[in-house]
């Protein structure tokens, strides 16, 4: 019996450990969410396909630099053969011909080389586009993650508030029985408790909604939970100018526009190349058979040729293309200047928000400590008849307000720090390092 009991206990423990592992597997930290989002996001995969398309565009540009080799063949059948009065074949009964052709056509302006350079720059642009998409996406993941933590904290605060008001209602009921308070105190406590119950239900439903949004954003499935990552505090930060310089050097969006500006400049040269003539070189090998064969049939021949094509007039097409390319060049310069100013404002906004949240956090921590001590004191005074129900309700209202404000400030501080990384172009680098660290 003891052996059997030990086996049962061991089985129960194994099942419990298995259940714990399953539960742990469905609990995600911010680093886990970063890793999952980078692997499963459809938006990121779409941008990766754009990069693949740009690489194939380079292959197409390279192919123009190589000569084209083609084969050809034909068979002709006539209704009848014809002969001249001397017996020479005028029209054979059938004829067969085939051969190989080698062609190469290049512009004397080097447009093909320019197109190859542009294709390589499009690859770099697509890489920066992918970087920007990843960074924007994981920032969205982080924002949603902190929304879930915020609503989880709201549920905890609502439960604590419900428990406190339940105790206060019970205390009011006891004091009413002994005649120390009037029924108004009990009714007020019941009303506050009903409001706390409604707030708890609202908070729990809000938590379900934010978790559903996070599941959609990060690509999660099934029931899950999130665990709070140890927040980092950054007491000393660089000055605003240093952050702006970092953003101007690291922001992928700015690098994309900078490359677009360079591509637009090269497109002007590419369009002007249409004014230059095109040189074409060909080499051909042919073989021909006829039945019956004529006396003068040339069965095999090899020849080469050079052509120079110089279009003088095309209805103003080339002029319009050059003007369009120059306008796009000017436009890309304006876009670059505009984006640089926008990024500067984004950095300043994120920097000031971070400084605000850092300053607010310490004050709210002190406020919560005072509010908690105040509630405990008033609650004890009420039990001994030294305070009334309104005093308790007011103290509880101050406490729950302080708890909510501190929770919001704590998560806003972490999000402000992440936003500062995002606007300076450092977020993806930091997130990738955290995701790799979490994986190990």
Foldseek 3Di string as FASTA:
>chain_A
DVVVVVVVVVVVVVVVVVVVVVQVVQAAELLQLLVLQCVDPPLLVVLVVQLVVLVVQLVVLVVLQAKDKDKDKDKDADPAWDADPVGFTPGFRMKIKMWMKIKHKDFPLRLSVLSNVLSVLSSVLSVLVSLLSSLVLSLVLLVLVLQLVLLVLQLVLLVVLLVVLVVQLVLVVVCVVVPLDDCVLNVVSVVSNVVSVVSNVVSVVSSVVSVVVSCVSSVHDDDHHYDYDPFDDDPDDDDLVVLLVLQCVARSVLVSLVSQLVSLVSQLSSLVSLQTKMKMKMKMKMAMDGHVDGPPDDGIDIDMDMDIGGDDDDPCPSVVSNVVSVVSNVVSVVVSVVVSVVLSVLLVVLVVLLVVLVVVLVVLVVQLVVLVVQLVVQVVCVSVPNHGSVSNVVSSVSNSVSSSVNSVSVSSNRSSVLSNCSSSNNNVVVSVVSSVVVVD
